[in-house]
Amino acid sequence: MTESKLALVTGGSRGLGREMALSLAKKGNDLVITYLSSKEKAEAVVAEIRAMGQKAFAFQLDSRSTANFDGFFTQLTETLQSERGTGKIDFLINNAGTGIYKPFLETTENDFDEMMNVHLKGVYFFTQKAIPYFNDGGRIINISSGLARFSLPGSSAYASMKGGIDVFTRFLAKELAARKITAVSVAPGAIATDFGDGENKSDLKQNLISGATALGRVGVPEDIGGIVAFLCSEDARWINGQRIEASGGIFL
C-alpha cells in the first residue's frame, strides 16, 4: 500500500482552508492544518479528516510572526516523526490570511503592514523555512486573489500583496526546479465566507458579483477546495509557475 502524502494547509480551520483540507483528505492525503485562534474549529476539521481514515494534526500559528516559524517547524517535525515515521511534507498550501476593505486614502500604515505581514512577508519566509522539510517533487500552492487582476475600490493594500504573491510564485517555480518542486498560485474570485467580516455575503456585493460573473453567482468554498486537491495530484504534475484564476468568469 502506498504511503499517504502529507499536505500542510495554513489557515485550515474554516472557510477556504477547511475545504482545501477536506478535499485533499478525500484524495488520500494526510493533513496538517494551522489555526490562529479557532482551536475548536481546527480540532473539528481534524476529526472529520480522521473519520475519512487519514491522519490529521492541528497546530497554532500566527503567520504574521516570522519569529515563531522555527519553533513551529520543530514542533511539527517532531510530531510527524513520531506519528508518521517521517518529518517530511509533500504539499504546502499558503492560505492563511485576513481581509481589509478600506479606500486607499483611508488606509493607514498599520493597515498596510498587517496585509504585508500576513499575505506577503509571512508567506515568503514561512515557505523559506518549509523547504528543508520538503520531499523532492513536492508542490507549493499560494492563494492569490482575483483582485490582483481586476480592481474594486477598497482593496488596494490587500490586492497589492496578492499581486506580489503571483510574482513570488513564478520565482519559486524557477528556483526550486532542481528539486522538482512546483509552485502555482490559485486566485479565487469573490467567495462567500466570513473573510473580511463576511463582505461577500452582503446583498450589495452578492448582486454586484453575480451580475459581473459569467456563471451568475458568488463563489462558495467548495468551488476552490477541489482545485487545490487537483493541483496536488499526479495529474497536475506539468503545471508550474502559473496563476490559475477560479472566479466563475468574473469581469471577462
Foldseek 3Di string as FASTA:
>chain_A
DDDAAEEEFEQLLDFLNVLQQVLLLVVPHEYEYEHAPPPVSQVVSQVVSVVSVHHYYYYYDDLLDLVCLVVVLVVQQVVCCVPPVGSAHAEYELDDDAAWFAAPVPQDPVNLSRLCSRQAVSVVSSVVSRVVRYQQQGEYEYEAAPCCPPPDGRGVSNNVSSVVVLVVQLVCQVVSVVSLYAGEYEHEYAEQDCGNNRVCVDPVNQVVFLVQAPVRGGHYSNQNSNVSSVCRDPVNSPDHSYYHYRYNHGND
